[in-house]
């Protein structure tokens, strides 16, 4: 029983740690996605205007 509780607790700690890291990374990934989309639209419109 104690072994099961310890393994469950370590799993919960690991999941909490991964969740915190994920939440830390999400704004960075969101910002990069927004920047890449903005650059893609910008180059797309510049190419359209050149023709």
Protein backbone atom coordinates (compact mmCIF):
# COMPACT_ATOMS: atom_id res chain seq x y z
CA UNK A 1 0.00 0.00 0.00
CA UNK A 2 2.77 2.41 0.95
CA UNK A 3 4.62 1.58 -2.26
CA UNK A 4 1.52 2.41 -4.30
CA UNK A 5 1.06 5.73 -2.51
CA UNK A 6 4.71 6.64 -3.06
CA UNK A 7 4.54 5.84 -6.77
CA UNK A 8 1.29 7.81 -7.11
CA UNK A 9 2.84 10.77 -5.26
CA UNK A 10 5.94 10.77 -7.48
CA UNK A 11 3.71 10.61 -10.57
CA UNK A 12 1.64 13.54 -9.30
CA UNK A 13 4.79 15.54 -8.55
CA UNK A 14 6.14 14.79 -12.04
CA UNK A 15 2.84 15.84 -13.65
CA UNK A 16 2.72 19.05 -11.61
CA UNK A 17 6.32 19.87 -12.59
CA UNK A 18 5.58 19.19 -16.27
CA UNK A 19 2.42 21.32 -16.05
CA UNK A 20 4.35 24.25 -14.54
CA UNK A 21 7.04 23.97 -17.22
CA UNK A 22 4.32 23.77 -19.90
CA UNK A 23 2.63 26.91 -18.55
CA UNK A 24 6.03 28.67 -18.55
CA UNK A 25 6.62 27.68 -22.19
CA UNK A 26 3.14 28.45 -23.56
CA UNK A 27 3.47 32.28 -23.71
CA UNK A 28 6.82 31.95 -25.51
CA UNK A 29 5.36 29.50 -28.05
CA UNK A 30 2.28 31.70 -28.50
CA UNK A 31 4.46 34.76 -29.08
CA UNK A 32 6.61 32.89 -31.61
CA UNK A 33 3.50 31.63 -33.43
CA UNK A 34 2.04 35.15 -33.61
CA UNK A 35 5.34 36.60 -34.86
CA UNK A 36 5.75 33.89 -37.52
CA UNK A 37 2.15 34.39 -38.73
CA UNK A 38 2.66 38.17 -38.87
CA UNK A 39 5.91 37.75 -40.85
CA UNK A 40 4.19 35.29 -43.22
CA UNK A 41 1.30 37.70 -43.86
CA UNK A 42 3.72 40.61 -44.30
CA UNK A 43 5.83 38.80 -46.91
CA UNK A 44 2.67 37.49 -48.63
CA UNK A 45 1.25 41.01 -49.02
CA UNK A 46 4.60 42.41 -50.17
CA UNK A 47 4.82 39.73 -52.87
CA UNK A 48 1.25 40.46 -53.97
CA UNK A 49 1.93 44.20 -54.25
CA UNK A 50 5.14 43.71 -56.24
CA UNK A 51 3.34 41.93 -59.09
